[in-house]
Amino acid sequence: METSHALLRKHHEQTKQLELSLLIESQRMKRRHLEKQHEAETSNQLQYNQRVTDETMKRHALQSKQQPKELKAKELQIRKQYRQAVKTQLRQSKLLQAQVLSCTPKEEHREMIVKLKEEQKRKLATLAGQYESTIESLLRDLTVKLESWQEDELKALKEKLEKEMDMLKDFQSRQKSCLEENCKREEQKLAERTSIRKAVIEKKMEEERASLETERQKILKTIEEKHRIEKSTFFDDEERALNEHTQQISLSASQFSSQDTLCSISSNLHSLATNS
């Protein structure tokens, strides 16, 4: 039985080591798989960030390249408006000149025409200055606005991508923590199963030892009882035999009265007692 119990303990330890090795290998593969997954996710996110950033910068470069054409179109549009304003101004000047001359003596017409032309030139020069200032201000504002808008867009994009990367890292961290918690639970469950199995084995061996001891006690009790019975029977038989001899001797003693006969009988009794 001790050999059987030793084999049970050895098998339990071997099973324990095998299960532990399998669990360790399984957890190692899970950790490696999650690590590879996180590396791939991080790499994909970095590639996406670089691609989106490059596309945005290319679009900005194209916008900057196309800006002179757009600015030129805006300038031409403003100059067209300026020419229309000049024409309107000339028509108004002609109407004003006709109106003024109609109310001015003829000998003063030349002088009045000179004054009106000088006024017209002054107004046209002022108008031209206003439009040139408008064009310059518009071109400057559009250039600054485009550059500022591009900077703001690129900054917002970088903040967005950084936030996405932080969210990814946080998610990966939670995944890793969850895996470690699962691994701890698996280790605890394995330890519990091993402990229960060991307790069952120990209980089984204890029951076998108790059963064997009970059986041994039964056998010993049976042997003792048999020995007692045999011993009792033996002494009973001896006692009966002794009684029978005693009775025979007594009977013989009553039949013989001589001293030699009595001595012989006493000698026989002594011999019989010694043999017993």
C-alpha atoms as a PDB file:
ATOM      1  CA  MET A   1       0.000   0.000   0.000  1.00  0.00           C
ATOM      2  CA  GLU A   2       2.868   2.386   0.753  1.00  0.00           C
ATOM      3  CA  THR A   3       4.161   1.830  -2.774  1.00  0.00           C
ATOM      4  CA  SER A   4       0.705   2.544  -4.182  1.00  0.00           C
ATOM      5  CA  HIS A   5       0.445   5.712  -2.105  1.00  0.00           C
ATOM      6  CA  ALA A   6       3.917   6.825  -3.189  1.00  0.00           C
ATOM      7  CA  LEU A   7       2.891   6.339  -6.823  1.00  0.00           C
ATOM      8  CA  LEU A   8      -0.276   8.374  -6.226  1.00  0.00           C
ATOM      9  CA  ARG A   9       1.747  11.224  -4.726  1.00  0.00           C
ATOM     10  CA  LYS A  10       4.259  11.073  -7.570  1.00  0.00           C
ATOM     11  CA  HIS A  11       1.476  11.094 -10.172  1.00  0.00           C
ATOM     12  CA  HIS A  12      -0.133  14.058  -8.400  1.00  0.00           C
ATOM     13  CA  GLU A  13       3.141  16.018  -8.442  1.00  0.00           C
ATOM     14  CA  GLN A  14       3.760  15.173 -12.103  1.00  0.00           C
ATOM     15  CA  THR A  15       0.211  16.229 -13.012  1.00  0.00           C
ATOM     16  CA  LYS A  16       0.660  19.422 -10.990  1.00  0.00           C
ATOM     17  CA  GLN A  17       3.904  20.281 -12.786  1.00  0.00           C
ATOM     18  CA  LEU A  18       2.396  19.463 -16.191  1.00  0.00           C
ATOM     19  CA  GLU A  19      -0.686  21.617 -15.589  1.00  0.00           C
ATOM     20  CA  LEU A  20       1.486  24.452 -14.282  1.00  0.00           C
ATOM     21  CA  SER A  21       3.796  24.217 -17.314  1.00  0.00           C
ATOM     22  CA  LEU A  22       0.825  24.230 -19.699  1.00  0.00           C
ATOM     23  CA  LEU A  23      -0.692  27.235 -17.916  1.00  0.00           C
ATOM     24  CA  ILE A  24       2.605  29.143 -17.985  1.00  0.00           C
ATOM     25  CA  GLU A  25       3.038  28.410 -21.696  1.00  0.00           C
ATOM     26  CA  SER A  26      -0.572  29.378 -22.432  1.00  0.00           C
ATOM     27  CA  GLN A  27      -0.179  32.669 -20.547  1.00  0.00           C
ATOM     28  CA  ARG A  28       3.131  33.349 -22.281  1.00  0.00           C
ATOM     29  CA  MET A  29       1.464  32.881 -25.676  1.00  0.00           C
ATOM     30  CA  LYS A  30      -1.451  35.129 -24.656  1.00  0.00           C
ATOM     31  CA  ARG A  31       0.926  37.856 -23.500  1.00  0.00           C
ATOM     32  CA  ARG A  32       3.001  37.536 -26.670  1.00  0.00           C
ATOM     33  CA  HIS A  33      -0.106  37.656 -28.851  1.00  0.00           C
ATOM     34  CA  LEU A  34      -1.379  40.762 -27.058  1.00  0.00           C
ATOM     35  CA  GLU A  35       2.059  42.365 -27.330  1.00  0.00           C
ATOM     36  CA  LYS A  36       2.151  41.685 -31.082  1.00  0.00           C
ATOM     37  CA  GLN A  37      -1.384  43.034 -31.428  1.00  0.00           C
ATOM     38  CA  HIS A  38      -0.467  46.235 -29.569  1.00  0.00           C
ATOM     39  CA  GLU A  39       2.680  46.664 -31.663  1.00  0.00           C
ATOM     40  CA  ALA A  40       0.617  46.318 -34.851  1.00  0.00           C
ATOM     41  CA  GLU A  41      -2.049  48.742 -33.577  1.00  0.00           C
ATOM     42  CA  THR A  42       0.560  51.311 -32.557  1.00  0.00           C
ATOM     43  CA  SER A  43       2.394  50.947 -35.871  1.00  0.00           C
ATOM     44  CA  ASN A  44      -0.858  51.354 -37.819  1.00  0.00           C
ATOM     45  CA  GLN A  45      -1.788  54.426 -35.789  1.00  0.00           C
ATOM     46  CA  LEU A  46       1.641  55.996 -36.341  1.00  0.00           C
ATOM     47  CA  GLN A  47       1.434  55.278 -40.073  1.00  0.00           C
ATOM     48  CA  TYR A  48      -2.066  56.764 -40.167  1.00  0.00           C
ATOM     49  CA  ASN A  49      -0.890  59.852 -38.269  1.00  0.00           C
ATOM     50  CA  GLN A  50       2.028  60.352 -40.659  1.00  0.00           C
ATOM     51  CA  ARG A  51      -0.149  59.817 -43.715  1.00  0.00           C
ATOM     52  CA  VAL A  52      -2.844  62.260 -42.579  1.00  0.00           C
ATOM     53  CA  THR A  53      -0.217  64.837 -41.594  1.00  0.00           C
ATOM     54  CA  ASP A  54       1.564  64.492 -44.941  1.00  0.00           C
ATOM     55  CA  GLU A  55      -1.711  64.795 -46.850  1.00  0.00           C
ATOM     56  CA  THR A  56      -2.641  67.927 -44.901  1.00  0.00           C
ATOM     57  CA  MET A  57       0.757  69.520 -45.496  1.00  0.00           C
ATOM     58  CA  LYS A  58       0.581  68.659 -49.213  1.00  0.00           C
ATOM     59  CA  ARG A  59      -2.860  70.233 -49.392  1.00  0.00           C
ATOM     60  CA  HIS A  60      -1.532  73.314 -47.630  1.00  0.00           C
ATOM     61  CA  ALA A  61       1.396  73.487 -50.045  1.00  0.00           C
ATOM     62  CA  LEU A  62      -0.994  73.218 -52.984  1.00  0.00           C
ATOM     63  CA  GLN A  63      -3.187  75.927 -51.495  1.00  0.00           C
ATOM     64  CA  SER A  64      -0.152  78.170 -51.032  1.00  0.00           C
ATOM     65  CA  LYS A  65       0.934  77.428 -54.593  1.00  0.00           C
ATOM     66  CA  GLN A  66      -2.506  78.250 -55.945  1.00  0.00           C
ATOM     67  CA  GLN A  67      -2.908  81.326 -53.741  1.00  0.00           C
ATOM     68  CA  PRO A  68      -1.180  83.782 -56.126  1.00  0.00           C
ATOM     69  CA  LYS A  69      -3.650  82.865 -58.842  1.00  0.00           C
ATOM     70  CA  GLU A  70      -6.543  83.319 -56.464  1.00  0.00           C
ATOM     71  CA  LEU A  71      -5.078  86.586 -55.203  1.00  0.00           C
ATOM     72  CA  LYS A  72      -4.569  87.762 -58.787  1.00  0.00           C
ATOM     73  CA  ALA A  73      -8.183  86.912 -59.550  1.00  0.00           C
ATOM     74  CA  LYS A  74      -9.279  88.895 -56.491  1.00  0.00           C
ATOM     75  CA  GLU A  75      -7.071  91.798 -57.554  1.00  0.00           C
ATOM     76  CA  LEU A  76      -8.479  91.764 -61.094  1.00  0.00           C
ATOM     77  CA  GLN A  77     -11.973  91.704 -59.692  1.00  0.00           C
ATOM     78  CA  ILE A  78     -11.233  94.736 -57.500  1.00  0.00           C
ATOM     79  CA  ARG A  79      -9.556  96.599 -60.383  1.00  0.00           C
ATOM     80  CA  LYS A  80     -12.589  95.859 -62.515  1.00  0.00           C
ATOM     81  CA  GLN A  81     -14.717  97.406 -59.813  1.00  0.00           C
ATOM     82  CA  TYR A  82     -12.282 100.352 -59.751  1.00  0.00           C
ATOM     83  CA  ARG A  83     -12.668 100.920 -63.500  1.00  0.00           C
ATOM     84  CA  GLN A  84     -16.423 100.845 -63.139  1.00  0.00           C
ATOM     85  CA  ALA A  85     -16.140 103.356 -60.322  1.00  0.00           C
ATOM     86  CA  VAL A  86     -13.895 105.599 -62.476  1.00  0.00           C
ATOM     87  CA  LYS A  87     -16.397 105.503 -65.314  1.00  0.00           C
ATOM     88  CA  THR A  88     -19.170 106.370 -62.921  1.00  0.00           C
ATOM     89  CA  GLN A  89     -17.078 109.183 -61.488  1.00  0.00           C
ATOM     90  CA  LEU A  90     -16.362 110.585 -64.977  1.00  0.00           C
ATOM     91  CA  ARG A  91     -20.016 110.511 -65.892  1.00  0.00           C
ATOM     92  CA  GLN A  92     -20.906 112.298 -62.694  1.00  0.00           C
ATOM     93  CA  SER A  93     -18.140 114.865 -63.341  1.00  0.00           C
ATOM     94  CA  LYS A  94     -19.445 115.540 -66.844  1.00  0.00           C
ATOM     95  CA  LEU A  95     -22.938 116.002 -65.538  1.00  0.00           C
ATOM     96  CA  LEU A  96     -21.659 118.262 -62.783  1.00  0.00           C
ATOM     97  CA  GLN A  97     -19.569 120.243 -65.298  1.00  0.00           C
ATOM     98  CA  ALA A  98     -22.521 120.732 -67.612  1.00  0.00           C
ATOM     99  CA  GLN A  99     -24.685 121.793 -64.720  1.00  0.00           C
ATOM    100  CA  VAL A 100     -22.079 124.239 -63.370  1.00  0.00           C
ATOM    101  CA  LEU A 101     -21.284 125.708 -66.781  1.00  0.00           C
ATOM    102  CA  SER A 102     -24.921 126.266 -67.457  1.00  0.00           C
ATOM    103  CA  CYS A 103     -25.022 128.498 -64.402  1.00  0.00           C
ATOM    104  CA  THR A 104     -21.686 130.189 -65.035  1.00  0.00           C
ATOM    105  CA  PRO A 105     -21.023 133.125 -67.360  1.00  0.00           C
ATOM    106  CA  LYS A 106     -19.401 132.064 -70.626  1.00  0.00           C
ATOM    107  CA  GLU A 107     -16.209 134.071 -70.024  1.00  0.00           C
ATOM    108  CA  GLU A 108     -15.632 132.058 -66.840  1.00  0.00           C
ATOM    109  CA  HIS A 109     -16.126 128.678 -68.506  1.00  0.00           C
ATOM    110  CA  ARG A 110     -12.423 128.059 -69.136  1.00  0.00           C
ATOM    111  CA  GLU A 111     -11.472 128.815 -65.583  1.00  0.00           C
ATOM    112  CA  MET A 112     -14.365 126.735 -64.247  1.00  0.00           C
ATOM    113  CA  ILE A 113     -13.456 123.814 -66.512  1.00  0.00           C
ATOM    114  CA  VAL A 114      -9.887 123.913 -65.180  1.00  0.00           C
ATOM    115  CA  LYS A 115     -11.168 123.862 -61.599  1.00  0.00           C
ATOM    116  CA  LEU A 116     -13.581 121.035 -62.335  1.00  0.00           C
ATOM    117  CA  LYS A 117     -10.851 118.979 -64.024  1.00  0.00           C
ATOM    118  CA  GLU A 118      -8.504 119.518 -61.081  1.00  0.00           C
ATOM    119  CA  GLU A 119     -11.294 118.432 -58.714  1.00  0.00           C
ATOM    120  CA  GLN A 120     -11.953 115.430 -60.919  1.00  0.00           C
ATOM    121  CA  LYS A 121      -8.256 114.468 -60.878  1.00  0.00           C
ATOM    122  CA  ARG A 122      -8.165 114.819 -57.106  1.00  0.00           C
ATOM    123  CA  LYS A 123     -11.220 112.618 -56.668  1.00  0.00           C
ATOM    124  CA  LEU A 124      -9.880 110.029 -59.113  1.00  0.00           C
ATOM    125  CA  ALA A 125      -6.519 110.021 -57.333  1.00  0.00           C
ATOM    126  CA  THR A 126      -8.280 109.551 -53.994  1.00  0.00           C
ATOM    127  CA  LEU A 127     -10.413 106.785 -55.465  1.00  0.00           C
ATOM    128  CA  ALA A 128      -7.343 105.091 -56.952  1.00  0.00           C
ATOM    129  CA  GLY A 129      -5.539 105.323 -53.612  1.00  0.00           C
ATOM    130  CA  GLN A 130      -8.508 103.804 -51.823  1.00  0.00           C
ATOM    131  CA  TYR A 131      -8.692 100.872 -54.258  1.00  0.00           C
ATOM    132  CA  GLU A 132      -4.935 100.293 -54.149  1.00  0.00           C
ATOM    133  CA  SER A 133      -5.083 100.302 -50.372  1.00  0.00           C
ATOM    134  CA  THR A 134      -8.041  97.937 -50.513  1.00  0.00           C
ATOM    135  CA  ILE A 135      -6.182  95.584 -52.853  1.00  0.00           C
ATOM    136  CA  GLU A 136      -3.038  95.644 -50.741  1.00  0.00           C
ATOM    137  CA  SER A 137      -4.972  95.108 -47.507  1.00  0.00           C
ATOM    138  CA  LEU A 138      -7.053  92.318 -49.033  1.00  0.00           C
ATOM    139  CA  LEU A 139      -4.010  90.484 -50.420  1.00  0.00           C
ATOM    140  CA  ARG A 140      -2.181  90.836 -47.118  1.00  0.00           C
ATOM    141  CA  ASP A 141      -5.182  89.689 -45.092  1.00  0.00           C
ATOM    142  CA  LEU A 142      -5.841  86.729 -47.382  1.00  0.00           C
ATOM    143  CA  THR A 143      -2.196  85.644 -47.195  1.00  0.00           C
ATOM    144  CA  VAL A 144      -2.080  85.948 -43.409  1.00  0.00           C
ATOM    145  CA  LYS A 145      -5.484  84.319 -43.102  1.00  0.00           C
ATOM    146  CA  LEU A 146      -4.429  81.360 -45.222  1.00  0.00           C
ATOM    147  CA  GLU A 147      -1.194  80.863 -43.305  1.00  0.00           C
ATOM    148  CA  SER A 148      -2.964  81.245 -39.960  1.00  0.00           C
ATOM    149  CA  TRP A 149      -5.756  78.904 -41.021  1.00  0.00           C
ATOM    150  CA  GLN A 150      -3.235  76.311 -42.165  1.00  0.00           C
ATOM    151  CA  GLU A 151      -1.315  76.570 -38.889  1.00  0.00           C
ATOM    152  CA  ASP A 152      -4.525  76.247 -36.870  1.00  0.00           C
ATOM    153  CA  GLU A 153      -5.673  73.279 -38.939  1.00  0.00           C
ATOM    154  CA  LEU A 154      -2.310  71.532 -38.586  1.00  0.00           C
ATOM    155  CA  LYS A 155      -2.247  72.224 -34.833  1.00  0.00           C
ATOM    156  CA  ALA A 156      -5.793  70.902 -34.401  1.00  0.00           C
ATOM    157  CA  LEU A 157      -4.891  67.829 -36.446  1.00  0.00           C
ATOM    158  CA  LYS A 158      -1.821  67.109 -34.301  1.00  0.00           C
ATOM    159  CA  GLU A 159      -3.870  67.496 -31.115  1.00  0.00           C
ATOM    160  CA  LYS A 160      -6.515  65.151 -32.515  1.00  0.00           C
ATOM    161  CA  LEU A 161      -3.917  62.537 -33.490  1.00  0.00           C
ATOM    162  CA  GLU A 162      -2.187  62.804 -30.107  1.00  0.00           C
ATOM    163  CA  LYS A 163      -5.541  62.304 -28.383  1.00  0.00           C
ATOM    164  CA  GLU A 164      -6.243  59.246 -30.526  1.00  0.00           C
ATOM    165  CA  MET A 165      -2.809  57.827 -29.666  1.00  0.00           C
ATOM    166  CA  ASP A 166      -3.399  58.455 -25.948  1.00  0.00           C
ATOM    167  CA  MET A 167      -6.780  56.738 -26.189  1.00  0.00           C
ATOM    168  CA  LEU A 168      -5.161  53.776 -27.946  1.00  0.00           C
ATOM    169  CA  LYS A 169      -2.451  53.508 -25.272  1.00  0.00           C
ATOM    170  CA  ASP A 170      -5.068  53.727 -22.523  1.00  0.00           C
ATOM    171  CA  PHE A 171      -7.142  51.010 -24.188  1.00  0.00           C
ATOM    172  CA  GLN A 172      -4.060  48.813 -24.591  1.00  0.00           C
ATOM    173  CA  SER A 173      -3.146  49.370 -20.947  1.00  0.00           C
ATOM    174  CA  ARG A 174      -6.634  48.257 -19.865  1.00  0.00           C
ATOM    175  CA  GLN A 175      -6.349  45.197 -22.109  1.00  0.00           C
ATOM    176  CA  LYS A 176      -2.998  44.292 -20.546  1.00  0.00           C
ATOM    177  CA  SER A 177      -4.354  44.758 -17.012  1.00  0.00           C
ATOM    178  CA  CYS A 178      -7.369  42.611 -17.876  1.00  0.00           C
ATOM    179  CA  LEU A 179      -5.086  39.873 -19.216  1.00  0.00           C
ATOM    180  CA  GLU A 180      -2.946  39.944 -16.071  1.00  0.00           C
ATOM    181  CA  GLU A 181      -6.067  39.700 -13.894  1.00  0.00           C
ATOM    182  CA  ASN A 182      -7.262  36.721 -15.950  1.00  0.00           C
ATOM    183  CA  CYS A 183      -3.847  35.087 -15.564  1.00  0.00           C
ATOM    184  CA  LYS A 184      -4.000  35.547 -11.791  1.00  0.00           C
ATOM    185  CA  ARG A 185      -7.493  34.014 -11.698  1.00  0.00           C
ATOM    186  CA  GLU A 186      -6.281  31.068 -13.792  1.00  0.00           C
ATOM    187  CA  GLU A 187      -3.352  30.543 -11.414  1.00  0.00           C
ATOM    188  CA  GLN A 188      -5.669  30.699  -8.398  1.00  0.00           C
ATOM    189  CA  LYS A 189      -8.095  28.222  -9.983  1.00  0.00           C
ATOM    190  CA  LEU A 190      -5.234  25.860 -10.815  1.00  0.00           C
ATOM    191  CA  ALA A 191      -3.919  26.112  -7.253  1.00  0.00           C
ATOM    192  CA  GLU A 192      -7.422  25.394  -5.918  1.00  0.00           C
ATOM    193  CA  ARG A 193      -7.869  22.394  -8.239  1.00  0.00           C
ATOM    194  CA  THR A 194      -4.446  21.064  -7.264  1.00  0.00           C
ATOM    195  CA  SER A 195      -5.194  21.527  -3.564  1.00  0.00           C
ATOM    196  CA  ILE A 196      -8.584  19.815  -3.892  1.00  0.00           C
ATOM    197  CA  ARG A 197      -7.096  16.930  -5.865  1.00  0.00           C
ATOM    198  CA  LYS A 198      -4.336  16.516  -3.275  1.00  0.00           C
ATOM    199  CA  ALA A 199      -6.900  16.573  -0.461  1.00  0.00           C
ATOM    200  CA  VAL A 200      -8.960  13.914  -2.263  1.00  0.00           C
ATOM    201  CA  ILE A 201      -5.845  11.750  -2.710  1.00  0.00           C
ATOM    202  CA  GLU A 202      -4.835  12.186   0.936  1.00  0.00           C
ATOM    203  CA  LYS A 203      -8.375  11.343   2.048  1.00  0.00           C
ATOM    204  CA  LYS A 204      -8.419   8.270  -0.171  1.00  0.00           C
ATOM    205  CA  MET A 205      -5.068   7.095   1.201  1.00  0.00           C
ATOM    206  CA  GLU A 206      -6.225   7.762   4.765  1.00  0.00           C
ATOM    207  CA  GLU A 207      -9.405   5.774   4.117  1.00  0.00           C
ATOM    208  CA  GLU A 208      -7.340   2.940   2.657  1.00  0.00           C
ATOM    209  CA  ARG A 209      -5.037   2.977   5.690  1.00  0.00           C
ATOM    210  CA  ALA A 210      -8.032   3.043   8.021  1.00  0.00           C
ATOM    211  CA  SER A 211      -9.684   0.216   6.089  1.00  0.00           C
ATOM    212  CA  LEU A 212      -6.475  -1.817   6.178  1.00  0.00           C
ATOM    213  CA  GLU A 213      -6.085  -1.191   9.908  1.00  0.00           C
ATOM    214  CA  THR A 214      -9.701  -2.214  10.489  1.00  0.00           C
ATOM    215  CA  GLU A 215      -9.168  -5.381   8.480  1.00  0.00           C
ATOM    216  CA  ARG A 216      -5.937  -6.090  10.384  1.00  0.00           C
ATOM    217  CA  GLN A 217      -7.705  -5.614  13.708  1.00  0.00           C
ATOM    218  CA  LYS A 218     -10.467  -7.969  12.581  1.00  0.00           C
ATOM    219  CA  ILE A 219      -7.918 -10.604  11.574  1.00  0.00           C
ATOM    220  CA  LEU A 220      -6.013 -10.202  14.852  1.00  0.00           C
ATOM    221  CA  LYS A 221      -9.243 -10.433  16.797  1.00  0.00           C
ATOM    222  CA  THR A 222     -10.225 -13.560  14.893  1.00  0.00           C
ATOM    223  CA  ILE A 223      -6.800 -15.119  15.499  1.00  0.00           C
ATOM    224  CA  GLU A 224      -6.906 -14.210  19.188  1.00  0.00           C
ATOM    225  CA  GLU A 225     -10.395 -15.624  19.512  1.00  0.00           C
ATOM    226  CA  LYS A 226      -9.362 -18.805  17.735  1.00  0.00           C
ATOM    227  CA  HIS A 227      -6.278 -19.078  19.939  1.00  0.00           C
ATOM    228  CA  ARG A 228      -8.368 -18.516  23.060  1.00  0.00           C
ATOM    229  CA  ILE A 229     -10.855 -21.175  22.000  1.00  0.00           C
ATOM    230  CA  GLU A 230      -8.083 -23.620  21.150  1.00  0.00           C
ATOM    231  CA  LYS A 231      -6.345 -22.892  24.442  1.00  0.00           C
ATOM    232  CA  SER A 232      -9.573 -23.288  26.387  1.00  0.00           C
ATOM    233  CA  THR A 233     -10.347 -26.545  24.603  1.00  0.00           C
ATOM    234  CA  PHE A 234      -6.828 -27.820  25.255  1.00  0.00           C
ATOM    235  CA  PHE A 235      -6.993 -27.144  28.996  1.00  0.00           C
ATOM    236  CA  ASP A 236     -10.483 -28.632  29.206  1.00  0.00           C
ATOM    237  CA  ASP A 237      -9.262 -31.825  27.540  1.00  0.00           C
ATOM    238  CA  GLU A 238      -6.230 -31.958  29.840  1.00  0.00           C
ATOM    239  CA  GLU A 239      -8.418 -31.427  32.868  1.00  0.00           C
ATOM    240  CA  ARG A 240     -10.762 -34.208  31.816  1.00  0.00           C
ATOM    241  CA  ALA A 241      -7.848 -36.533  31.197  1.00  0.00           C
ATOM    242  CA  LEU A 242      -6.387 -35.693  34.595  1.00  0.00           C
ATOM    243  CA  ASN A 243      -9.702 -36.319  36.284  1.00  0.00           C
ATOM    244  CA  GLU A 244     -10.047 -39.624  34.537  1.00  0.00           C
ATOM    245  CA  HIS A 245      -6.568 -40.675  35.694  1.00  0.00           C
ATOM    246  CA  THR A 246      -7.332 -39.513  39.184  1.00  0.00           C
ATOM    247  CA  GLN A 247     -10.527 -41.532  39.269  1.00  0.00           C
ATOM    248  CA  GLN A 248      -8.718 -44.581  37.965  1.00  0.00           C
ATOM    249  CA  ILE A 249      -5.999 -44.189  40.548  1.00  0.00           C
ATOM    250  CA  SER A 250      -8.553 -43.720  43.318  1.00  0.00           C
ATOM    251  CA  LEU A 251     -10.354 -46.838  42.195  1.00  0.00           C
ATOM    252  CA  SER A 252      -7.127 -48.780  42.117  1.00  0.00           C
ATOM    253  CA  ALA A 253      -6.150 -47.500  45.576  1.00  0.00           C
ATOM    254  CA  SER A 254      -9.364 -48.771  47.053  1.00  0.00           C
ATOM    255  CA  GLN A 255      -8.672 -52.211  45.616  1.00  0.00           C
ATOM    256  CA  PHE A 256      -5.083 -52.494  46.870  1.00  0.00           C
ATOM    257  CA  SER A 257      -4.362 -52.107  50.545  1.00  0.00           C
ATOM    258  CA  SER A 258      -0.731 -52.998  50.658  1.00  0.00           C
ATOM    259  CA  GLN A 259       1.848 -50.309  51.270  1.00  0.00           C
ATOM    260  CA  ASP A 260       3.838 -51.166  48.122  1.00  0.00           C
ATOM    261  CA  THR A 261       0.763 -50.743  45.998  1.00  0.00           C
ATOM    262  CA  LEU A 262       0.036 -47.340  47.534  1.00  0.00           C
ATOM    263  CA  CYS A 263       3.636 -46.302  46.985  1.00  0.00           C
ATOM    264  CA  SER A 264       3.429 -47.406  43.407  1.00  0.00           C
ATOM    265  CA  ILE A 265       0.241 -45.428  42.910  1.00  0.00           C
ATOM    266  CA  SER A 266       1.777 -42.335  44.508  1.00  0.00           C
ATOM    267  CA  SER A 267       4.743 -42.714  42.247  1.00  0.00           C
ATOM    268  CA  ASN A 268       2.468 -42.895  39.216  1.00  0.00           C
ATOM    269  CA  LEU A 269       0.540 -39.812  40.324  1.00  0.00           C
ATOM    270  CA  HIS A 270       3.757 -37.917  40.808  1.00  0.00           C
ATOM    271  CA  SER A 271       4.959 -38.975  37.403  1.00  0.00           C
ATOM    272  CA  LEU A 272       1.665 -37.978  35.801  1.00  0.00           C
ATOM    273  CA  ALA A 273       1.698 -34.575  37.464  1.00  0.00           C
ATOM    274  CA  THR A 274       5.231 -33.976  36.298  1.00  0.00           C
ATOM    275  CA  ASN A 275       4.346 -34.825  32.711  1.00  0.00           C
ATOM    276  CA  SER A 276       1.375 -32.475  32.833  1.00  0.00           C
END
